[in-house]
Amino acid sequence: MENLWLRIENRIRALGAVGSFGPPANDNSILAAEGLLGARFPEDFRASLAIHNGDAMKKIGPGEWQSDGPFAHLELLSLDAMLSEWQVWQDSIGAQGLDPESEGPVRKMWWNPLWIPFTVIGGSTWHHCLDLDPAPGGEPGQIIEIVDDEPLRRIVAPGFRAFLEDLAKDLERGRYTLDDDGLLVHEAWR
């Protein structure tokens, strides 16, 4: 996992992006989050958290923080932010439910408490989640994409390591460029 993060960090620096990733999470905070969620994270995700606990954060006002990561449309959540987003889905969004659709071995559900959001995409309730309760034929820890106002639930990577590999490859292949604020934007968002 360390070599993979080095590839990502080196490419981000080479592109001249501002922003950074957060410090490591300690074992106690990982165990506490798992306890609150009632699930154990996949080993590759735990190893990643021990390197970076999401994006760095910057204070924007009294008691207000926001991501200070290098990507314009992709926020990597810290453990605290993951728990907060998960709770929002538990309390309100998950109860709204349209008729769900699934693509691949993803449970045909609007919300599953064993879907753990670890990104925010585009500054909204659009997430990549660890799927710790896949449909038959799926793998625990596969990465799915969910959106609060879209019924489709689909796999985007077979696991967290593959998710980061795809990110590294996109950075290395020039699929990210800098916006006017010095943040990285994927070609799909330009």
Protein backbone atom coordinates (compact mmCIF):
# COMPACT_ATOMS: atom_id res chain seq x y z
CA MET A 1 0.00 0.00 0.00
CA GLU A 2 2.90 2.35 0.75
CA ASN A 3 4.30 2.06 -2.79
CA LEU A 4 0.89 2.73 -4.27
CA TRP A 5 0.43 5.86 -2.18
CA LEU A 6 3.95 6.98 -3.16
CA ARG A 7 3.01 6.69 -6.85
CA ILE A 8 -0.10 8.79 -6.26
CA GLU A 9 1.68 11.42 -4.15
CA ASN A 10 4.64 11.70 -6.56
CA ARG A 11 2.34 12.24 -9.54
CA ILE A 12 0.25 14.81 -7.66
CA ARG A 13 3.43 16.74 -6.76
CA ALA A 14 4.71 16.49 -10.35
CA LEU A 15 1.43 17.99 -11.59
CA GLY A 16 1.81 20.86 -9.11
CA ALA A 17 -1.50 20.36 -7.31
CA VAL A 18 -2.24 22.15 -4.06
CA GLY A 19 -3.82 20.30 -1.15
CA SER A 20 -2.70 17.17 0.57
CA PHE A 21 -3.83 14.06 2.37
CA GLY A 22 -4.34 13.72 6.10
CA PRO A 23 -2.04 12.10 8.63
CA PRO A 24 -2.37 8.40 9.46
CA ALA A 25 -5.21 7.01 11.52
CA ASN A 26 -4.12 5.05 14.56
CA ASP A 27 -5.27 1.53 15.36
CA ASN A 28 -7.57 2.70 18.14
CA SER A 29 -9.47 5.09 15.86
CA ILE A 30 -9.82 2.39 13.17
CA LEU A 31 -11.11 -0.10 15.74
CA ALA A 32 -13.51 2.49 17.18
CA ALA A 33 -14.95 3.25 13.72
CA GLU A 34 -15.34 -0.44 12.99
CA GLY A 35 -17.12 -0.87 16.32
CA LEU A 36 -19.58 1.94 15.57
CA LEU A 37 -20.27 0.53 12.11
CA GLY A 38 -20.48 -3.07 13.30
CA ALA A 39 -18.09 -4.24 10.59
CA ARG A 40 -14.42 -4.88 9.96
CA PHE A 41 -12.72 -2.98 7.15
CA PRO A 42 -10.83 -4.94 4.48
CA GLU A 43 -7.10 -5.16 5.18
CA ASP A 44 -6.13 -2.99 2.19
CA PHE A 45 -8.44 -0.22 3.43
CA ARG A 46 -7.06 -0.50 6.98
CA ALA A 47 -3.50 -0.31 5.58
CA SER A 48 -4.42 2.80 3.59
CA LEU A 49 -5.94 4.51 6.65
CA ALA A 50 -2.67 3.84 8.48
CA ILE A 51 -0.98 5.97 5.78
CA HIS A 52 -3.62 8.66 5.15
CA ASN A 53 -6.83 9.17 7.10
CA GLY A 54 -8.58 10.90 4.18
CA ASP A 55 -7.79 14.37 2.91
CA ALA A 56 -6.09 17.05 4.97
CA MET A 57 -8.61 19.48 6.46
CA LYS A 58 -8.51 23.27 6.70
CA LYS A 59 -10.42 25.49 9.09
CA ILE A 60 -12.81 27.86 7.31
CA GLY A 61 -14.61 29.32 10.31
CA PRO A 62 -15.39 28.75 13.96
CA GLY A 63 -15.93 25.00 14.24
CA GLU A 64 -16.07 24.67 10.43
CA TRP A 65 -13.68 22.57 8.40
CA GLN A 66 -13.47 21.51 4.78
CA SER A 67 -11.37 19.17 2.72
CA ASP A 68 -7.97 20.47 1.71
CA GLY A 69 -7.24 17.54 -0.59
CA PRO A 70 -5.69 17.75 -4.05
CA PHE A 71 -8.80 16.80 -6.08
CA ALA A 72 -11.51 19.24 -7.16
CA HIS A 73 -14.36 16.71 -7.38
CA LEU A 74 -13.23 13.88 -5.13
CA GLU A 75 -12.91 14.15 -1.38
CA LEU A 76 -11.31 11.24 0.48
CA LEU A 77 -13.11 11.05 3.81
CA SER A 78 -11.45 10.72 7.18
CA LEU A 79 -12.83 8.15 9.61
CA ASP A 80 -14.86 10.86 11.37
CA ALA A 81 -16.28 12.13 8.08
CA MET A 82 -17.06 8.55 6.96
CA LEU A 83 -19.03 7.97 10.15
CA SER A 84 -20.86 11.25 9.68
CA GLU A 85 -21.82 10.49 6.05
CA TRP A 86 -22.83 6.94 7.01
CA GLN A 87 -25.07 8.34 9.75
CA VAL A 88 -26.74 10.77 7.33
CA TRP A 89 -27.60 7.82 5.07
CA GLN A 90 -28.80 5.80 8.09
CA ASP A 91 -31.00 8.59 9.41
CA SER A 92 -32.51 10.20 6.34
CA ILE A 93 -31.24 9.55 2.84
CA GLY A 94 -31.37 5.78 3.14
CA ALA A 95 -35.03 5.91 4.09
CA GLN A 96 -36.03 7.94 1.00
CA GLY A 97 -35.43 5.17 -1.53
CA LEU A 98 -36.47 5.07 -5.12
CA ASP A 99 -36.89 1.65 -6.68
CA PRO A 100 -33.26 0.51 -6.59
CA GLU A 101 -31.41 -1.01 -9.52
CA SER A 102 -28.11 -2.82 -9.39
CA GLU A 103 -25.42 -3.57 -11.90
CA GLY A 104 -23.29 -6.61 -11.12
CA PRO A 105 -23.27 -8.43 -7.77
CA VAL A 106 -24.59 -5.51 -5.70
CA ARG A 107 -27.63 -5.95 -3.48
CA LYS A 108 -30.71 -4.35 -5.02
CA MET A 109 -31.27 -1.98 -2.10
CA TRP A 110 -31.57 1.76 -1.73
CA TRP A 111 -29.28 1.72 1.31
CA ASN A 112 -27.40 -0.96 3.20
CA PRO A 113 -25.73 -0.18 6.56
CA LEU A 114 -22.78 -2.28 5.36
CA TRP A 115 -22.07 0.17 2.53
CA ILE A 116 -19.41 2.42 4.03
CA PRO A 117 -18.90 5.77 2.23
CA PHE A 118 -15.22 6.71 1.91
CA THR A 119 -15.44 9.49 -0.72
CA VAL A 120 -17.69 12.36 -1.57
CA ILE A 121 -17.87 12.99 -5.30
CA GLY A 122 -18.71 16.45 -6.58
CA GLY A 123 -19.41 17.88 -3.12
CA SER A 124 -22.72 16.11 -2.59
CA THR A 125 -24.26 12.84 -1.45
CA TRP A 126 -22.61 10.90 -4.25
CA HIS A 127 -20.16 8.39 -2.81
CA HIS A 128 -17.80 5.53 -3.36
CA CYS A 129 -18.52 2.92 -0.69
CA LEU A 130 -16.91 -0.21 0.63
CA ASP A 131 -19.53 -2.89 0.02
CA LEU A 132 -19.17 -5.21 3.00
CA ASP A 133 -22.38 -7.10 2.15
CA PRO A 134 -22.27 -7.92 -1.57
CA ALA A 135 -24.86 -9.87 -3.50
CA PRO A 136 -24.04 -13.50 -4.38
CA GLY A 137 -21.05 -13.55 -6.72
CA GLY A 138 -19.62 -10.34 -5.28
CA GLU A 139 -16.59 -9.88 -3.05
CA PRO A 140 -16.72 -8.25 0.39
CA GLY A 141 -14.86 -4.97 0.09
CA GLN A 142 -15.78 -4.34 -3.54
CA ILE A 143 -16.19 -0.65 -4.29
CA ILE A 144 -19.61 0.59 -5.33
CA GLU A 145 -20.98 3.95 -6.30
CA ILE A 146 -24.19 5.34 -4.82
CA VAL A 147 -25.99 8.64 -5.40
CA ASP A 148 -28.81 9.99 -3.24
CA ASP A 149 -31.12 10.75 -6.17
CA GLU A 150 -30.18 7.94 -8.55
CA PRO A 151 -31.47 4.36 -8.18
CA LEU A 152 -28.47 2.58 -9.78
CA ARG A 153 -25.95 0.89 -7.48
CA ARG A 154 -22.90 -0.36 -9.36
CA ILE A 155 -19.40 -1.73 -8.85
CA VAL A 156 -16.53 0.55 -9.84
CA ALA A 157 -13.60 -1.56 -8.55
CA PRO A 158 -13.17 -5.07 -7.15
CA GLY A 159 -11.54 -3.71 -3.98
CA PHE A 160 -9.88 -0.69 -2.39
CA ARG A 161 -6.39 -1.46 -3.71
CA ALA A 162 -7.81 -1.66 -7.25
CA PHE A 163 -9.63 1.65 -6.67
CA LEU A 164 -6.33 3.34 -5.73
CA GLU A 165 -4.54 1.59 -8.64
CA ASP A 166 -7.09 3.09 -11.03
CA LEU A 167 -6.53 6.53 -9.48
CA ALA A 168 -2.75 6.16 -9.85
CA LYS A 169 -3.07 5.03 -13.48
CA ASP A 170 -5.37 7.93 -14.34
CA LEU A 171 -2.86 10.36 -12.81
CA GLU A 172 0.03 8.74 -14.70
CA ARG A 173 -1.88 8.68 -18.01
CA GLY A 174 -2.59 12.41 -17.89
CA ARG A 175 -6.31 12.11 -17.24
CA TYR A 176 -6.06 14.77 -14.53
CA THR A 177 -5.19 18.42 -15.11
CA LEU A 178 -5.10 21.44 -12.83
CA ASP A 179 -8.01 23.84 -12.52
CA ASP A 180 -7.62 27.57 -11.79
CA ASP A 181 -7.43 26.84 -8.06
CA GLY A 182 -4.57 24.34 -8.44
CA LEU A 183 -6.79 21.31 -7.83
CA LEU A 184 -6.82 18.20 -9.97
CA VAL A 185 -9.80 17.65 -12.26
CA HIS A 186 -10.44 14.36 -14.08
CA GLU A 187 -11.06 14.64 -17.80
CA ALA A 188 -14.63 13.39 -17.26
CA TRP A 189 -15.37 16.57 -15.24
CA ARG A 190 -13.88 19.09 -17.67
